[in-house]
Amino acid sequence: MTVQLRMADDPTINRLVVMAIIIVLLVVAARVAVWVFHAADRHERHMKSLAV
């Protein structure tokens, strides 16, 4: 709780924290997107092999 209050008082640290959170969210989103893309690609290939 004290850390949050201190961060709110210091705008530079607050900005760094916000940037860090955004970067983490972007990395997570990118990993999820890649995983979903690979899963869809695998599913599509599996369906094609079944069709043939």
PDB file of N, CA and C in Angstrom:
ATOM      1  N   MET A   1       0.844  -1.199   0.000  1.00  0.00           N
ATOM      2  CA  MET A   1       0.000   0.000   0.000  1.00  0.00           C
ATOM      3  C   MET A   1       0.882   1.252   0.000  1.00  0.00           C
ATOM      4  N   THR A   2       1.924   1.254   0.854  1.00  0.00           N
ATOM      5  CA  THR A   2       2.821   2.415   0.916  1.00  0.00           C
ATOM      6  C   THR A   2       3.545   2.600  -0.410  1.00  0.00           C
ATOM      7  N   VAL A   3       3.880   1.486  -1.070  1.00  0.00           N
ATOM      8  CA  VAL A   3       4.587   1.570  -2.352  1.00  0.00           C
ATOM      9  C   VAL A   3       3.691   2.247  -3.384  1.00  0.00           C
ATOM     10  N   GLN A   4       2.411   1.865  -3.411  1.00  0.00           N
ATOM     11  CA  GLN A   4       1.476   2.460  -4.364  1.00  0.00           C
ATOM     12  C   GLN A   4       1.352   3.963  -4.130  1.00  0.00           C
ATOM     13  N   LEU A   5       1.285   4.383  -2.861  1.00  0.00           N
ATOM     14  CA  LEU A   5       1.163   5.809  -2.546  1.00  0.00           C
ATOM     15  C   LEU A   5       2.415   6.546  -3.000  1.00  0.00           C
ATOM     16  N   ARG A   6       3.582   5.922  -2.761  1.00  0.00           N
ATOM     17  CA  ARG A   6       4.831   6.555  -3.147  1.00  0.00           C
ATOM     18  C   ARG A   6       4.906   6.672  -4.675  1.00  0.00           C
ATOM     19  N   MET A   7       4.471   5.625  -5.374  1.00  0.00           N
ATOM     20  CA  MET A   7       4.498   5.661  -6.840  1.00  0.00           C
ATOM     21  C   MET A   7       3.573   6.761  -7.363  1.00  0.00           C
ATOM     22  N   ALA A   8       2.435   6.924  -6.735  1.00  0.00           N
ATOM     23  CA  ALA A   8       1.487   7.951  -7.171  1.00  0.00           C
ATOM     24  C   ALA A   8       2.088   9.346  -6.987  1.00  0.00           C
ATOM     25  N   ASP A   9       2.950   9.492  -5.967  1.00  0.00           N
ATOM     26  CA  ASP A   9       3.581  10.798  -5.720  1.00  0.00           C
ATOM     27  C   ASP A   9       4.654  11.104  -6.762  1.00  0.00           C
ATOM     28  N   ASP A  10       5.342  10.069  -7.259  1.00  0.00           N
ATOM     29  CA  ASP A  10       6.440  10.278  -8.210  1.00  0.00           C
ATOM     30  C   ASP A  10       5.948   9.963  -9.625  1.00  0.00           C
ATOM     31  N   PRO A  11       5.731  10.985 -10.460  1.00  0.00           N
ATOM     32  CA  PRO A  11       5.187  10.774 -11.811  1.00  0.00           C
ATOM     33  C   PRO A  11       6.102   9.957 -12.716  1.00  0.00           C
ATOM     34  N   THR A  12       7.438  10.089 -12.553  1.00  0.00           N
ATOM     35  CA  THR A  12       8.347   9.344 -13.437  1.00  0.00           C
ATOM     36  C   THR A  12       8.268   7.852 -13.159  1.00  0.00           C
ATOM     37  N   ILE A  13       8.255   7.470 -11.872  1.00  0.00           N
ATOM     38  CA  ILE A  13       8.151   6.052 -11.516  1.00  0.00           C
ATOM     39  C   ILE A  13       6.793   5.525 -11.968  1.00  0.00           C
ATOM     40  N   ASN A  14       5.760   6.346 -11.776  1.00  0.00           N
ATOM     41  CA  ASN A  14       4.412   5.948 -12.169  1.00  0.00           C
ATOM     42  C   ASN A  14       4.369   5.654 -13.670  1.00  0.00           C
ATOM     43  N   ARG A  15       5.010   6.520 -14.460  1.00  0.00           N
ATOM     44  CA  ARG A  15       5.031   6.342 -15.910  1.00  0.00           C
ATOM     45  C   ARG A  15       5.780   5.062 -16.273  1.00  0.00           C
ATOM     46  N   LEU A  16       6.891   4.794 -15.567  1.00  0.00           N
ATOM     47  CA  LEU A  16       7.674   3.584 -15.833  1.00  0.00           C
ATOM     48  C   LEU A  16       6.841   2.342 -15.541  1.00  0.00           C
ATOM     49  N   VAL A  17       6.088   2.390 -14.445  1.00  0.00           N
ATOM     50  CA  VAL A  17       5.239   1.252 -14.077  1.00  0.00           C
ATOM     51  C   VAL A  17       4.180   1.026 -15.149  1.00  0.00           C
ATOM     52  N   VAL A  18       3.554   2.105 -15.607  1.00  0.00           N
ATOM     53  CA  VAL A  18       2.521   1.993 -16.646  1.00  0.00           C
ATOM     54  C   VAL A  18       3.124   1.418 -17.926  1.00  0.00           C
ATOM     55  N   MET A  19       4.319   1.911 -18.302  1.00  0.00           N
ATOM     56  CA  MET A  19       4.982   1.408 -19.508  1.00  0.00           C
ATOM     57  C   MET A  19       5.317  -0.069 -19.363  1.00  0.00           C
ATOM     58  N   ALA A  20       5.793  -0.461 -18.182  1.00  0.00           N
ATOM     59  CA  ALA A  20       6.141  -1.864 -17.934  1.00  0.00           C
ATOM     60  C   ALA A  20       4.903  -2.746 -18.070  1.00  0.00           C
ATOM     61  N   ILE A  21       3.785  -2.287 -17.509  1.00  0.00           N
ATOM     62  CA  ILE A  21       2.536  -3.050 -17.596  1.00  0.00           C
ATOM     63  C   ILE A  21       2.101  -3.180 -19.055  1.00  0.00           C
ATOM     64  N   ILE A  22       2.199  -2.085 -19.817  1.00  0.00           N
ATOM     65  CA  ILE A  22       1.806  -2.109 -21.231  1.00  0.00           C
ATOM     66  C   ILE A  22       2.690  -3.080 -22.007  1.00  0.00           C
ATOM     67  N   ILE A  23       4.009  -3.045 -21.742  1.00  0.00           N
ATOM     68  CA  ILE A  23       4.939  -3.938 -22.442  1.00  0.00           C
ATOM     69  C   ILE A  23       4.602  -5.394 -22.132  1.00  0.00           C
ATOM     70  N   VAL A  24       4.347  -5.683 -20.852  1.00  0.00           N
ATOM     71  CA  VAL A  24       3.996  -7.055 -20.461  1.00  0.00           C
ATOM     72  C   VAL A  24       2.721  -7.493 -21.178  1.00  0.00           C
ATOM     73  N   LEU A  25       1.721  -6.607 -21.216  1.00  0.00           N
ATOM     74  CA  LEU A  25       0.460  -6.939 -21.885  1.00  0.00           C
ATOM     75  C   LEU A  25       0.688  -7.195 -23.373  1.00  0.00           C
ATOM     76  N   LEU A  26       1.548  -6.379 -24.007  1.00  0.00           N
ATOM     77  CA  LEU A  26       1.837  -6.561 -25.430  1.00  0.00           C
ATOM     78  C   LEU A  26       2.524  -7.899 -25.676  1.00  0.00           C
ATOM     79  N   VAL A  27       3.478  -8.243 -24.814  1.00  0.00           N
ATOM     80  CA  VAL A  27       4.197  -9.517 -24.962  1.00  0.00           C
ATOM     81  C   VAL A  27       3.227 -10.685 -24.810  1.00  0.00           C
ATOM     82  N   VAL A  28       2.368 -10.605 -23.798  1.00  0.00           N
ATOM     83  CA  VAL A  28       1.385 -11.670 -23.577  1.00  0.00           C
ATOM     84  C   VAL A  28       0.443 -11.772 -24.774  1.00  0.00           C
ATOM     85  N   ALA A  29      -0.036 -10.622 -25.264  1.00  0.00           N
ATOM     86  CA  ALA A  29      -0.951 -10.612 -26.406  1.00  0.00           C
ATOM     87  C   ALA A  29      -0.274 -11.205 -27.637  1.00  0.00           C
ATOM     88  N   ALA A  30       1.006 -10.873 -27.843  1.00  0.00           N
ATOM     89  CA  ALA A  30       1.739 -11.400 -28.995  1.00  0.00           C
ATOM     90  C   ALA A  30       1.872 -12.915 -28.887  1.00  0.00           C
ATOM     91  N   ARG A  31       2.187 -13.407 -27.687  1.00  0.00           N
ATOM     92  CA  ARG A  31       2.331 -14.857 -27.503  1.00  0.00           C
ATOM     93  C   ARG A  31       1.013 -15.566 -27.749  1.00  0.00           C
ATOM     94  N   VAL A  32      -0.074 -14.989 -27.238  1.00  0.00           N
ATOM     95  CA  VAL A  32      -1.397 -15.592 -27.435  1.00  0.00           C
ATOM     96  C   VAL A  32      -1.742 -15.610 -28.923  1.00  0.00           C
ATOM     97  N   ALA A  33      -1.454 -14.502 -29.621  1.00  0.00           N
ATOM     98  CA  ALA A  33      -1.753 -14.420 -31.052  1.00  0.00           C
ATOM     99  C   ALA A  33      -0.970 -15.476 -31.823  1.00  0.00           C
ATOM    100  N   VAL A  34       0.315 -15.623 -31.495  1.00  0.00           N
ATOM    101  CA  VAL A  34       1.145 -16.624 -32.174  1.00  0.00           C
ATOM    102  C   VAL A  34       0.615 -18.021 -31.887  1.00  0.00           C
ATOM    103  N   TRP A  35       0.247 -18.283 -30.621  1.00  0.00           N
ATOM    104  CA  TRP A  35      -0.257 -19.603 -30.248  1.00  0.00           C
ATOM    105  C   TRP A  35      -1.569 -19.903 -30.982  1.00  0.00           C
ATOM    106  N   VAL A  36      -2.463 -18.912 -31.029  1.00  0.00           N
ATOM    107  CA  VAL A  36      -3.747 -19.098 -31.715  1.00  0.00           C
ATOM    108  C   VAL A  36      -3.513 -19.343 -33.201  1.00  0.00           C
ATOM    109  N   PHE A  37      -2.581 -18.571 -33.800  1.00  0.00           N
ATOM    110  CA  PHE A  37      -2.274 -18.731 -35.221  1.00  0.00           C
ATOM    111  C   PHE A  37      -1.760 -20.141 -35.492  1.00  0.00           C
ATOM    112  N   HIS A  38      -0.831 -20.622 -34.657  1.00  0.00           N
ATOM    113  CA  HIS A  38      -0.280 -21.960 -34.849  1.00  0.00           C
ATOM    114  C   HIS A  38      -1.361 -23.024 -34.644  1.00  0.00           C
ATOM    115  N   ALA A  39      -2.211 -22.828 -33.659  1.00  0.00           N
ATOM    116  CA  ALA A  39      -3.278 -23.788 -33.386  1.00  0.00           C
ATOM    117  C   ALA A  39      -4.234 -23.858 -34.579  1.00  0.00           C
ATOM    118  N   ALA A  40      -4.592 -22.698 -35.139  1.00  0.00           N
ATOM    119  CA  ALA A  40      -5.494 -22.652 -36.289  1.00  0.00           C
ATOM    120  C   ALA A  40      -4.824 -23.295 -37.502  1.00  0.00           C
ATOM    121  N   ASP A  41      -3.534 -23.025 -37.674  1.00  0.00           N
ATOM    122  CA  ASP A  41      -2.787 -23.585 -38.798  1.00  0.00           C
ATOM    123  C   ASP A  41      -2.757 -25.106 -38.691  1.00  0.00           C
ATOM    124  N   ARG A  42      -2.492 -25.616 -37.485  1.00  0.00           N
ATOM    125  CA  ARG A  42      -2.447 -27.051 -37.264  1.00  0.00           C
ATOM    126  C   ARG A  42      -3.818 -27.663 -37.531  1.00  0.00           C
ATOM    127  N   HIS A  43      -4.870 -26.993 -37.055  1.00  0.00           N
ATOM    128  CA  HIS A  43      -6.235 -27.481 -37.231  1.00  0.00           C
ATOM    129  C   HIS A  43      -6.575 -27.555 -38.720  1.00  0.00           C
ATOM    130  N   GLU A  44      -6.196 -26.501 -39.462  1.00  0.00           N
ATOM    131  CA  GLU A  44      -6.484 -26.448 -40.896  1.00  0.00           C
ATOM    132  C   GLU A  44      -5.761 -27.583 -41.625  1.00  0.00           C
ATOM    133  N   ARG A  45      -4.491 -27.796 -41.278  1.00  0.00           N
ATOM    134  CA  ARG A  45      -3.714 -28.849 -41.917  1.00  0.00           C
ATOM    135  C   ARG A  45      -4.316 -30.215 -41.605  1.00  0.00           C
ATOM    136  N   HIS A  46      -4.773 -30.374 -40.377  1.00  0.00           N
ATOM    137  CA  HIS A  46      -5.386 -31.634 -39.958  1.00  0.00           C
ATOM    138  C   HIS A  46      -6.652 -31.886 -40.778  1.00  0.00           C
ATOM    139  N   MET A  47      -7.455 -30.842 -40.992  1.00  0.00           N
ATOM    140  CA  MET A  47      -8.682 -30.976 -41.767  1.00  0.00           C
ATOM    141  C   MET A  47      -8.363 -31.318 -43.226  1.00  0.00           C
ATOM    142  N   LYS A  48      -7.308 -30.705 -43.775  1.00  0.00           N
ATOM    143  CA  LYS A  48      -6.927 -30.984 -45.159  1.00  0.00           C
ATOM    144  C   LYS A  48      -6.481 -32.437 -45.302  1.00  0.00           C
ATOM    145  N   SER A  49      -5.715 -32.924 -44.323  1.00  0.00           N
ATOM    146  CA  SER A  49      -5.236 -34.305 -44.389  1.00  0.00           C
ATOM    147  C   SER A  49      -6.418 -35.272 -44.279  1.00  0.00           C
ATOM    148  N   LEU A  50      -7.438 -34.895 -43.520  1.00  0.00           N
ATOM    149  CA  LEU A  50      -8.624 -35.739 -43.401  1.00  0.00           C
ATOM    150  C   LEU A  50      -9.397 -35.738 -44.718  1.00  0.00           C
ATOM    151  N   ALA A  51      -9.465 -34.577 -45.369  1.00  0.00           N
ATOM    152  CA  ALA A  51     -10.208 -34.451 -46.624  1.00  0.00           C
ATOM    153  C   ALA A  51      -9.538 -35.286 -47.717  1.00  0.00           C
ATOM    154  N   VAL A  52      -8.220 -35.321 -47.709  1.00  0.00           N
ATOM    155  CA  VAL A  52      -7.477 -36.094 -48.721  1.00  0.00           C
ATOM    156  C   VAL A  52      -7.480 -37.546 -48.294  1.00  0.00           C
TER     157      VAL A  52
END
